[in-house]
Amino acid sequence: MAELQSAAQLSAVMSATPAPIYQRVKQAIVQQIRTGVWAAHQRIPSESELVAELGVSRMTINRALRELTAEGYLLRMQGVGTFVAEAKPQTALLEVRNIADEIAARGHRHSSRLLALEARPASNVEAISLGIPAGSPLFHSLIVHYEDDIAVQIEDRSVNPFAAPDYMQQDFSVITPYIYLTQVAPLSAGEHRVEAINPSPRERELLQLSAGEPCLLIHRRTWSGSAVVTWARLLYPGSRYQLFGSFNVD
């Protein structure tokens, strides 16, 4: 009975937008999950119940559920049913945000550990990334960020000292580099490159990963005006994090 009521709730939030039916089914299910109507680990209506309540084909329902399972919203167990998956924390892929704010928005506590803060000559890779001559001075920081004491990001950052001259004087146990950098060099443009990698032994230790567990790596450059301000390697545990981005098409 509860699952039939749940299917009726889904019917009530089906969008009337001119999108393919399977997309509208997906959007309605995601809305139920994101608004908390369907909680993590809750069993959702069966395919047959959804077909009967929504008045669409079984093929449509099956496609919607398969895609939502692949996207991490649902967990399907053969012979048992389909359940709402435990949500992974996520970070914005197409935006530049403060990780402390992202964690707070999820209702969790942010903390960090500063491993390095130094001034040193730029390597060839750093020089190319920052648009400065090789061997020029730069500022470097290495920070591990935690969500409720669980490591979720290694922030390995190189900073152009001409854009952020007081970087070395900041207390990064109190603020994040994002806070200082956006104050002194307002963001005008950004660039992201994403890849899946095997972390180094040291990175595996810092992120508390098991052997063989991969990571998601964002290479991020940001500009203020015509100057590159910073180049960062942002490393996330692949099993505990997901990247999220959205866009509009004019």
Protein backbone atom coordinates (compact mmCIF):
# COMPACT_ATOMS: atom_id res chain seq x y z
CA MET A 1 0.00 0.00 0.00
CA ALA A 2 2.82 2.43 0.90
CA GLU A 3 4.47 1.86 -2.49
CA LEU A 4 1.19 2.52 -4.32
CA GLN A 5 0.83 5.80 -2.41
CA SER A 6 4.43 6.61 -3.32
CA ALA A 7 3.67 6.04 -7.00
CA ALA A 8 0.67 8.34 -6.74
CA GLN A 9 2.92 11.04 -5.24
CA LEU A 10 5.23 10.66 -8.21
CA SER A 11 2.33 11.12 -10.62
CA ALA A 12 1.46 14.38 -8.88
CA VAL A 13 4.90 15.89 -9.53
CA MET A 14 5.33 14.73 -13.13
CA SER A 15 6.42 17.72 -15.18
CA ALA A 16 4.28 18.94 -18.06
CA THR A 17 7.32 20.31 -19.89
CA PRO A 18 7.79 19.22 -23.52
CA ALA A 19 10.53 16.68 -22.77
CA PRO A 20 10.67 12.99 -23.65
CA ILE A 21 8.49 10.96 -21.27
CA TYR A 22 11.38 8.98 -19.80
CA GLN A 23 13.14 12.27 -18.97
CA ARG A 24 10.03 13.54 -17.22
CA VAL A 25 9.84 10.32 -15.20
CA LYS A 26 13.51 10.75 -14.25
CA GLN A 27 12.99 14.39 -13.26
CA ALA A 28 10.02 13.47 -11.07
CA ILE A 29 11.96 10.71 -9.30
CA VAL A 30 14.96 12.98 -8.72
CA GLN A 31 12.65 15.65 -7.32
CA GLN A 32 11.20 13.15 -4.85
CA ILE A 33 14.72 12.24 -3.74
CA ARG A 34 16.13 15.77 -3.51
CA THR A 35 13.15 17.08 -1.55
CA GLY A 36 13.38 14.19 0.90
CA VAL A 37 10.02 12.65 0.03
CA TRP A 38 11.91 9.47 -0.81
CA ALA A 39 14.71 8.93 1.70
CA ALA A 40 17.98 7.04 1.28
CA HIS A 41 17.51 3.25 1.42
CA GLN A 42 13.74 3.58 0.88
CA ARG A 43 12.23 1.11 -1.56
CA ILE A 44 10.50 2.84 -4.46
CA PRO A 45 7.46 1.55 -6.39
CA SER A 46 8.01 -1.40 -8.71
CA GLU A 47 8.06 -1.05 -12.48
CA SER A 48 4.54 -2.46 -12.69
CA GLU A 49 3.23 0.02 -10.13
CA LEU A 50 4.87 2.93 -11.92
CA VAL A 51 3.47 1.79 -15.26
CA ALA A 52 -0.04 1.58 -13.80
CA GLU A 53 0.12 4.92 -11.96
CA LEU A 54 1.87 7.02 -14.60
CA GLY A 55 0.22 5.50 -17.63
CA VAL A 56 3.46 5.04 -19.58
CA SER A 57 5.08 1.99 -21.10
CA ARG A 58 7.19 -0.48 -19.16
CA MET A 59 10.06 0.27 -21.57
CA THR A 60 9.91 3.95 -20.59
CA ILE A 61 9.95 3.16 -16.87
CA ASN A 62 12.76 0.64 -17.30
CA ARG A 63 14.91 3.16 -19.18
CA ALA A 64 14.34 5.86 -16.56
CA LEU A 65 15.24 3.51 -13.70
CA ARG A 66 18.30 2.13 -15.51
CA GLU A 67 19.67 5.60 -16.20
CA LEU A 68 19.01 6.83 -12.65
CA THR A 69 20.80 3.75 -11.34
CA ALA A 70 23.80 4.48 -13.57
CA GLU A 71 23.76 8.11 -12.38
CA GLY A 72 23.87 7.03 -8.74
CA TYR A 73 20.35 8.00 -7.63
CA LEU A 74 18.99 4.46 -7.33
CA LEU A 75 20.19 1.00 -6.33
CA ARG A 76 18.55 -2.00 -7.99
CA MET A 77 18.72 -5.40 -6.30
CA GLN A 78 17.71 -8.40 -8.38
CA GLY A 79 14.65 -10.09 -6.92
CA VAL A 80 14.34 -7.55 -4.11
CA GLY A 81 13.47 -4.17 -5.63
CA THR A 82 14.77 -0.69 -6.36
CA PHE A 83 15.93 1.57 -3.55
CA VAL A 84 17.05 5.19 -3.15
CA ALA A 85 20.85 5.19 -3.07
CA GLU A 86 22.85 6.84 -0.34
CA ALA A 87 23.76 10.25 -1.75
CA LYS A 88 27.43 10.96 -2.38
CA PRO A 89 28.74 14.39 -1.54
CA GLN A 90 29.28 16.38 -4.71
CA THR A 91 31.22 19.38 -5.85
CA ALA A 92 30.34 21.78 -8.62
CA LEU A 93 32.16 21.02 -11.84
CA LEU A 94 31.23 24.10 -13.86
CA GLU A 95 31.61 26.59 -11.01
CA VAL A 96 34.30 27.68 -8.56
CA ARG A 97 33.03 27.37 -5.00
CA ASN A 98 34.37 27.41 -1.47
CA ILE A 99 34.62 23.80 -0.28
CA ALA A 100 33.82 24.89 3.28
CA ASP A 101 30.51 26.36 2.06
CA GLU A 102 29.68 23.20 0.10
CA ILE A 103 30.20 21.06 3.18
CA ALA A 104 28.21 23.43 5.43
CA ALA A 105 25.34 23.40 2.90
CA ARG A 106 25.11 19.64 3.40
CA GLY A 107 24.75 20.20 7.14
CA HIS A 108 28.21 18.87 7.91
CA ARG A 109 31.32 20.26 9.56
CA HIS A 110 34.36 21.41 7.59
CA SER A 111 37.91 21.28 8.90
CA SER A 112 41.31 21.32 7.23
CA ARG A 113 44.93 20.40 7.77
CA LEU A 114 47.70 22.57 6.32
CA LEU A 115 50.59 20.37 5.17
CA ALA A 116 52.68 22.97 3.35
CA LEU A 117 52.83 26.73 2.80
CA GLU A 118 55.95 27.92 1.02
CA ALA A 119 57.51 30.29 -1.48
CA ARG A 120 59.62 28.56 -4.13
CA PRO A 121 60.70 28.74 -7.78
CA ALA A 122 58.13 27.71 -10.35
CA SER A 123 58.68 24.43 -12.15
CA ASN A 124 58.20 24.32 -15.93
CA VAL A 125 54.66 22.94 -15.55
CA GLU A 126 53.73 25.54 -12.93
CA ALA A 127 55.24 28.35 -14.98
CA ILE A 128 53.28 27.36 -18.07
CA SER A 129 50.06 27.01 -16.05
CA LEU A 130 50.46 30.39 -14.36
CA GLY A 131 51.86 32.22 -17.39
CA ILE A 132 55.08 33.22 -15.65
CA PRO A 133 58.76 32.52 -16.50
CA ALA A 134 60.17 29.21 -15.28
CA GLY A 135 62.10 29.71 -12.05
CA SER A 136 60.05 32.76 -11.07
CA PRO A 137 58.87 32.82 -7.45
CA LEU A 138 55.45 31.45 -6.65
CA PHE A 139 53.49 30.54 -3.54
CA HIS A 140 52.48 26.95 -2.91
CA SER A 141 50.07 25.41 -0.42
CA LEU A 142 49.00 21.83 0.27
CA ILE A 143 45.82 21.36 2.32
CA VAL A 144 43.63 18.37 3.15
CA HIS A 145 39.94 19.19 3.62
CA TYR A 146 37.68 17.09 5.85
CA GLU A 147 33.92 16.60 6.05
CA ASP A 148 32.98 15.49 9.57
CA ASP A 149 36.61 14.30 10.03
CA ILE A 150 36.58 12.27 6.79
CA ALA A 151 39.12 13.40 4.18
CA VAL A 152 37.34 14.52 1.00
CA GLN A 153 39.85 16.68 -0.89
CA ILE A 154 43.56 17.32 -1.28
CA GLU A 155 44.08 20.89 -2.49
CA ASP A 156 47.51 21.28 -4.08
CA ARG A 157 47.68 24.94 -5.15
CA SER A 158 50.23 27.16 -6.90
CA VAL A 159 49.60 30.91 -6.71
CA ASN A 160 50.87 33.84 -8.75
CA PRO A 161 52.45 36.15 -6.13
CA PHE A 162 51.79 39.26 -8.24
CA ALA A 163 48.05 38.58 -8.04
CA ALA A 164 47.97 37.53 -4.36
CA PRO A 165 50.98 39.12 -2.62
CA ASP A 166 49.91 38.35 0.97
CA TYR A 167 49.09 34.69 0.41
CA MET A 168 51.88 33.50 2.72
CA GLN A 169 50.55 35.63 5.60
CA GLN A 170 47.09 34.00 5.67
CA ASP A 171 45.91 31.64 8.40
CA PHE A 172 44.44 28.77 6.41
CA SER A 173 43.23 27.06 9.56
CA VAL A 174 40.67 29.89 9.81
CA ILE A 175 39.89 30.65 6.16
CA THR A 176 40.25 28.71 2.93
CA PRO A 177 42.47 29.91 0.06
CA TYR A 178 39.25 30.51 -1.88
CA ILE A 179 38.18 33.22 0.61
CA TYR A 180 41.44 35.15 0.42
CA LEU A 181 41.89 34.79 -3.34
CA THR A 182 38.38 35.95 -4.24
CA GLN A 183 38.87 39.02 -2.03
CA VAL A 184 42.19 40.17 -3.50
CA ALA A 185 41.74 38.94 -7.09
CA PRO A 186 38.04 38.72 -8.01
CA LEU A 187 37.36 35.78 -10.29
CA SER A 188 36.72 36.65 -13.94
CA ALA A 189 37.26 33.26 -15.64
CA GLY A 190 38.04 29.65 -14.86
CA GLU A 191 39.14 26.47 -16.57
CA HIS A 192 38.61 22.85 -15.46
CA ARG A 193 40.13 19.60 -16.69
CA VAL A 194 39.00 16.35 -15.08
CA GLU A 195 40.55 12.90 -15.08
CA ALA A 196 40.44 9.66 -13.10
CA ILE A 197 43.80 8.68 -11.61
CA ASN A 198 45.46 6.26 -9.26
CA PRO A 199 46.72 8.34 -6.30
CA SER A 200 50.28 8.20 -5.06
CA PRO A 201 50.96 6.25 -1.84
CA ARG A 202 51.11 9.55 0.07
CA GLU A 203 47.82 10.79 -1.42
CA ARG A 204 46.20 7.43 -0.68
CA GLU A 205 47.29 7.76 2.95
CA LEU A 206 46.04 11.35 3.26
CA LEU A 207 42.61 10.47 1.79
CA GLN A 208 42.39 7.26 3.85
CA LEU A 209 41.81 5.13 0.76
CA SER A 210 41.94 1.38 0.37
CA ALA A 211 44.37 -0.24 -2.07
CA GLY A 212 43.31 0.15 -5.69
CA GLU A 213 40.70 2.84 -5.03
CA PRO A 214 40.80 5.52 -7.79
CA CYS A 215 40.49 9.28 -7.42
CA LEU A 216 38.88 12.12 -9.36
CA LEU A 217 41.30 14.91 -10.17
CA ILE A 218 40.28 18.44 -11.20
CA HIS A 219 42.99 20.63 -12.69
CA ARG A 220 41.69 24.17 -12.15
CA ARG A 221 43.04 27.50 -13.36
CA THR A 222 41.42 30.82 -12.51
CA TRP A 223 41.91 34.33 -13.87
CA SER A 224 41.33 37.81 -12.55
CA GLY A 225 41.26 40.09 -15.56
CA SER A 226 44.07 38.99 -17.87
CA ALA A 227 46.24 37.44 -15.13
CA VAL A 228 46.22 33.79 -14.12
CA VAL A 229 45.84 33.87 -10.34
CA THR A 230 46.13 30.24 -9.38
CA TRP A 231 46.55 26.70 -10.66
CA ALA A 232 45.29 23.91 -8.43
CA ARG A 233 45.12 20.12 -8.38
CA LEU A 234 41.98 19.12 -6.48
CA LEU A 235 41.97 15.41 -5.66
CA TYR A 236 38.80 13.62 -4.48
CA PRO A 237 38.19 9.99 -3.38
CA GLY A 238 36.35 8.39 -6.29
CA SER A 239 34.14 6.21 -4.10
CA ARG A 240 33.06 9.01 -1.77
CA TYR A 241 32.57 11.94 -4.12
CA GLN A 242 30.92 12.90 -7.37
CA LEU A 243 31.24 15.90 -9.65
CA PHE A 244 28.12 17.74 -10.73
CA GLY A 245 27.54 20.30 -13.45
CA SER A 246 24.55 21.79 -15.22
CA PHE A 247 24.09 24.25 -18.05
CA ASN A 248 21.43 26.00 -20.07
CA VAL A 249 21.18 26.03 -23.84
CA ASP A 250 19.95 29.30 -25.31
